[in-house]
N, C-alpha and C. Protein backbone atom coordinates (compact mmCIF):
# COMPACT_ATOMS: atom_id res chain seq x y z
N UNK A 1 9.37 14.19 -29.22
CA UNK A 1 10.76 13.88 -28.90
C UNK A 1 10.82 12.69 -27.93
N UNK A 2 11.64 11.73 -28.28
CA UNK A 2 11.80 10.54 -27.35
C UNK A 2 12.76 10.82 -26.27
N UNK A 3 12.47 10.28 -25.09
CA UNK A 3 13.40 10.46 -23.99
C UNK A 3 14.53 9.46 -24.08
N UNK A 4 15.67 9.83 -23.55
CA UNK A 4 16.82 8.93 -23.54
C UNK A 4 16.66 7.93 -22.45
N UNK A 5 17.48 6.91 -22.47
CA UNK A 5 17.44 5.86 -21.45
C UNK A 5 17.75 6.53 -20.10
N UNK A 6 18.72 7.41 -20.00
CA UNK A 6 19.15 8.10 -18.81
C UNK A 6 18.03 8.93 -18.26
N UNK A 7 17.25 9.65 -19.13
CA UNK A 7 16.11 10.45 -18.71
C UNK A 7 15.06 9.58 -18.15
N UNK A 8 14.73 8.45 -18.77
CA UNK A 8 13.72 7.56 -18.30
C UNK A 8 14.11 6.95 -16.90
N UNK A 9 15.34 6.61 -16.84
CA UNK A 9 15.84 6.06 -15.54
C UNK A 9 15.74 7.09 -14.40
N UNK A 10 16.02 8.32 -14.68
CA UNK A 10 15.89 9.40 -13.67
C UNK A 10 14.39 9.57 -13.33
N UNK A 11 13.55 9.48 -14.29
CA UNK A 11 12.13 9.56 -14.07
C UNK A 11 11.62 8.42 -13.21
N UNK A 12 12.13 7.25 -13.42
CA UNK A 12 11.75 6.05 -12.64
C UNK A 12 12.28 6.22 -11.20
N UNK A 13 13.52 6.67 -11.05
CA UNK A 13 14.03 6.94 -9.73
C UNK A 13 13.21 7.94 -8.98
N UNK A 14 12.78 8.96 -9.58
CA UNK A 14 11.94 9.99 -8.94
C UNK A 14 10.58 9.39 -8.53
N UNK A 15 10.02 8.59 -9.36
CA UNK A 15 8.77 7.94 -9.06
C UNK A 15 8.90 6.95 -7.96
N UNK A 16 10.05 6.21 -7.88
CA UNK A 16 10.32 5.36 -6.82
C UNK A 16 10.32 6.02 -5.45
N UNK A 17 10.95 7.23 -5.47
CA UNK A 17 11.07 8.04 -4.21
C UNK A 17 9.67 8.53 -3.81
N UNK A 18 8.82 8.85 -4.76
CA UNK A 18 7.48 9.26 -4.47
C UNK A 18 6.69 8.08 -3.86
N UNK A 19 6.85 6.90 -4.43
CA UNK A 19 6.24 5.74 -3.87
C UNK A 19 6.66 5.50 -2.38
N UNK A 20 7.93 5.63 -2.17
CA UNK A 20 8.45 5.45 -0.79
C UNK A 20 7.87 6.52 0.19
N UNK A 21 7.75 7.75 -0.27
CA UNK A 21 7.16 8.79 0.53
C UNK A 21 5.74 8.48 0.90
N UNK A 22 4.97 8.00 -0.08
CA UNK A 22 3.59 7.66 0.09
C UNK A 22 3.44 6.46 1.06
N UNK A 23 4.33 5.41 0.84
CA UNK A 23 4.28 4.29 1.78
C UNK A 23 4.62 4.71 3.26
N UNK A 24 5.56 5.64 3.39
CA UNK A 24 5.92 6.13 4.74
C UNK A 24 4.67 6.86 5.35
N UNK A 25 3.93 7.63 4.58
CA UNK A 25 2.70 8.27 5.05
C UNK A 25 1.64 7.23 5.40
N UNK A 26 1.51 6.18 4.61
CA UNK A 26 0.57 5.15 4.86
C UNK A 26 0.85 4.40 6.13
N UNK A 27 2.16 4.08 6.40
CA UNK A 27 2.51 3.38 7.56
C UNK A 27 2.33 4.26 8.81
N UNK A 28 2.45 5.49 8.65
CA UNK A 28 2.20 6.46 9.79
C UNK A 28 0.72 6.41 10.15
N UNK A 29 -0.08 6.38 9.12
CA UNK A 29 -1.55 6.29 9.39
C UNK A 29 -1.89 4.92 9.99
N UNK A 30 -1.19 3.89 9.54
CA UNK A 30 -1.42 2.56 10.07
C UNK A 30 -1.12 2.49 11.60
N UNK A 31 -0.04 3.19 12.03
CA UNK A 31 0.29 3.26 13.43
C UNK A 31 -0.86 3.91 14.20
N UNK A 32 -1.42 4.99 13.61
CA UNK A 32 -2.51 5.70 14.30
C UNK A 32 -3.80 4.79 14.41
N UNK A 33 -3.98 4.02 13.35
CA UNK A 33 -5.16 3.03 13.35
C UNK A 33 -4.89 2.03 14.49
N UNK A 34 -3.61 1.57 14.59
CA UNK A 34 -3.24 0.62 15.59
C UNK A 34 -3.47 1.15 17.00
N UNK A 35 -3.17 2.42 17.20
CA UNK A 35 -3.41 3.12 18.48
C UNK A 35 -4.93 3.08 18.89
N UNK A 36 -5.72 3.39 17.84
CA UNK A 36 -7.18 3.49 18.04
C UNK A 36 -7.72 2.07 18.37
N UNK A 37 -7.28 1.09 17.55
CA UNK A 37 -7.76 -0.31 17.79
C UNK A 37 -7.36 -0.71 19.15
N UNK A 38 -6.10 -0.47 19.59
CA UNK A 38 -5.61 -0.91 20.94
C UNK A 38 -6.39 -0.20 22.01
N UNK A 39 -6.69 1.07 21.82
CA UNK A 39 -7.45 1.81 22.90
C UNK A 39 -8.88 1.32 23.05
N UNK A 40 -9.40 0.79 21.91
CA UNK A 40 -10.81 0.36 21.90
C UNK A 40 -10.95 -1.14 22.02
N UNK A 41 -9.86 -1.85 22.25
CA UNK A 41 -9.96 -3.29 22.38
C UNK A 41 -10.34 -3.98 21.10
N UNK A 42 -10.04 -3.45 19.97
CA UNK A 42 -10.41 -4.04 18.68
C UNK A 42 -9.33 -4.94 18.14
N UNK A 43 -9.61 -5.97 17.43
CA UNK A 43 -8.60 -6.86 16.86
C UNK A 43 -7.75 -6.11 15.80
N UNK A 44 -6.47 -6.51 15.70
CA UNK A 44 -5.67 -5.92 14.70
C UNK A 44 -6.15 -6.23 13.27
N UNK A 45 -6.46 -7.47 13.02
CA UNK A 45 -6.87 -7.90 11.70
C UNK A 45 -8.35 -7.82 11.51
N UNK A 46 -8.78 -7.09 10.52
CA UNK A 46 -10.17 -7.02 10.10
C UNK A 46 -10.26 -7.64 8.72
N UNK A 47 -10.54 -8.93 8.66
CA UNK A 47 -10.53 -9.66 7.40
C UNK A 47 -11.54 -9.09 6.42
N UNK A 48 -12.71 -8.66 6.83
CA UNK A 48 -13.66 -8.11 5.93
C UNK A 48 -13.07 -6.82 5.27
N UNK A 49 -12.49 -5.93 6.02
CA UNK A 49 -11.85 -4.75 5.55
C UNK A 49 -10.75 -5.07 4.56
N UNK A 50 -9.96 -6.07 4.87
CA UNK A 50 -8.81 -6.51 4.02
C UNK A 50 -9.42 -6.92 2.60
N UNK A 51 -10.44 -7.73 2.60
CA UNK A 51 -11.02 -8.23 1.41
C UNK A 51 -11.63 -7.04 0.58
N UNK A 52 -12.29 -6.14 1.28
CA UNK A 52 -12.83 -4.97 0.56
C UNK A 52 -11.72 -4.09 -0.11
N UNK A 53 -10.65 -3.92 0.68
CA UNK A 53 -9.50 -3.13 0.07
C UNK A 53 -8.92 -3.88 -1.09
N UNK A 54 -8.66 -5.13 -1.02
CA UNK A 54 -8.18 -5.89 -2.14
C UNK A 54 -9.06 -5.86 -3.34
N UNK A 55 -10.33 -5.98 -3.12
CA UNK A 55 -11.29 -5.93 -4.24
C UNK A 55 -11.23 -4.59 -4.95
N UNK A 56 -11.32 -3.57 -4.14
CA UNK A 56 -11.28 -2.16 -4.64
C UNK A 56 -9.98 -1.91 -5.36
N UNK A 57 -8.89 -2.35 -4.84
CA UNK A 57 -7.55 -2.11 -5.40
C UNK A 57 -7.46 -2.93 -6.80
N UNK A 58 -8.04 -4.14 -6.77
CA UNK A 58 -8.04 -4.91 -8.00
C UNK A 58 -8.81 -4.26 -9.09
N UNK A 59 -9.98 -3.68 -8.77
CA UNK A 59 -10.79 -2.95 -9.79
C UNK A 59 -10.04 -1.75 -10.31
N UNK A 60 -9.40 -0.96 -9.37
CA UNK A 60 -8.62 0.20 -9.77
C UNK A 60 -7.52 -0.15 -10.70
N UNK A 61 -6.81 -1.28 -10.37
CA UNK A 61 -5.73 -1.78 -11.20
C UNK A 61 -6.18 -2.07 -12.60
N UNK A 62 -7.30 -2.76 -12.68
CA UNK A 62 -7.79 -3.08 -14.03
C UNK A 62 -8.12 -1.82 -14.78
N UNK A 63 -8.73 -0.80 -14.12
CA UNK A 63 -9.10 0.43 -14.86
C UNK A 63 -7.84 1.18 -15.32
N UNK A 64 -6.72 0.93 -14.65
CA UNK A 64 -5.50 1.55 -15.11
C UNK A 64 -4.58 0.71 -15.99
N UNK A 65 -5.16 -0.44 -16.38
CA UNK A 65 -4.47 -1.42 -17.23
C UNK A 65 -3.22 -1.94 -16.60
N UNK A 66 -3.28 -2.17 -15.26
CA UNK A 66 -2.17 -2.73 -14.52
C UNK A 66 -2.62 -4.23 -14.26
N UNK A 67 -1.59 -5.01 -14.02
CA UNK A 67 -1.88 -6.43 -13.72
C UNK A 67 -2.57 -6.53 -12.37
N UNK A 68 -3.82 -7.00 -12.39
CA UNK A 68 -4.61 -7.15 -11.19
C UNK A 68 -3.88 -8.07 -10.17
N UNK A 69 -3.35 -9.19 -10.67
CA UNK A 69 -2.63 -10.13 -9.84
C UNK A 69 -1.48 -9.50 -9.18
N UNK A 70 -0.63 -8.79 -9.92
CA UNK A 70 0.57 -8.16 -9.32
C UNK A 70 0.13 -7.13 -8.29
N UNK A 71 -0.80 -6.29 -8.56
CA UNK A 71 -1.23 -5.29 -7.62
C UNK A 71 -1.81 -5.84 -6.39
N UNK A 72 -2.63 -6.89 -6.49
CA UNK A 72 -3.17 -7.53 -5.35
C UNK A 72 -2.06 -8.14 -4.46
N UNK A 73 -1.08 -8.78 -5.09
CA UNK A 73 0.07 -9.34 -4.33
C UNK A 73 0.79 -8.20 -3.63
N UNK A 74 1.03 -7.09 -4.32
CA UNK A 74 1.70 -5.95 -3.70
C UNK A 74 0.92 -5.47 -2.54
N UNK A 75 -0.37 -5.28 -2.64
CA UNK A 75 -1.12 -4.79 -1.50
C UNK A 75 -1.34 -5.76 -0.42
N UNK A 76 -1.27 -7.00 -0.76
CA UNK A 76 -1.31 -8.07 0.33
C UNK A 76 -0.03 -7.91 1.17
N UNK A 77 1.08 -7.72 0.50
CA UNK A 77 2.34 -7.55 1.25
C UNK A 77 2.26 -6.24 2.12
N UNK A 78 1.76 -5.20 1.54
CA UNK A 78 1.62 -3.93 2.24
C UNK A 78 0.73 -4.12 3.43
N UNK A 79 -0.38 -4.82 3.25
CA UNK A 79 -1.34 -5.02 4.32
C UNK A 79 -0.79 -5.89 5.41
N UNK A 80 -0.06 -6.95 5.02
CA UNK A 80 0.54 -7.88 5.97
C UNK A 80 1.57 -7.11 6.83
N UNK A 81 2.32 -6.21 6.21
CA UNK A 81 3.28 -5.45 7.02
C UNK A 81 2.60 -4.44 7.93
N UNK A 82 1.44 -3.85 7.49
CA UNK A 82 0.64 -3.02 8.30
C UNK A 82 0.11 -3.72 9.53
N UNK A 83 -0.30 -4.94 9.37
CA UNK A 83 -0.77 -5.80 10.47
C UNK A 83 0.37 -5.98 11.53
N UNK A 84 1.55 -6.27 10.99
CA UNK A 84 2.69 -6.45 11.87
C UNK A 84 3.02 -5.18 12.67
N UNK A 85 2.93 -4.05 12.02
CA UNK A 85 3.16 -2.76 12.74
C UNK A 85 2.10 -2.52 13.82
N UNK A 86 0.87 -2.84 13.47
CA UNK A 86 -0.20 -2.64 14.49
C UNK A 86 -0.09 -3.58 15.64
N UNK A 87 0.45 -4.75 15.42
CA UNK A 87 0.63 -5.69 16.57
C UNK A 87 1.69 -5.17 17.56
N UNK A 88 2.61 -4.36 17.07
CA UNK A 88 3.60 -3.79 17.95
C UNK A 88 3.20 -2.47 18.63
N UNK A 89 2.04 -1.96 18.29
CA UNK A 89 1.59 -0.74 18.89
C UNK A 89 1.13 -0.98 20.28
């Protein structure tokens, strides 16, 4: 049985809310990382870690048949925002 346009839109809306919940949890963890870095005198940006994350995410994207370029851009934006949050901690 095929889903209707309305059913698919409701499903997408639900998934969008799940994504937001997950991003909120991620940013909460980011703040905690910022606290640890600040307490230990560590720099906010760890370029090696950033590259490792992007590489891993790119591979995962490919395995899920998602656009590697799009997913990397998305995670670059997420990471850039995380760095800004940590700078404010």
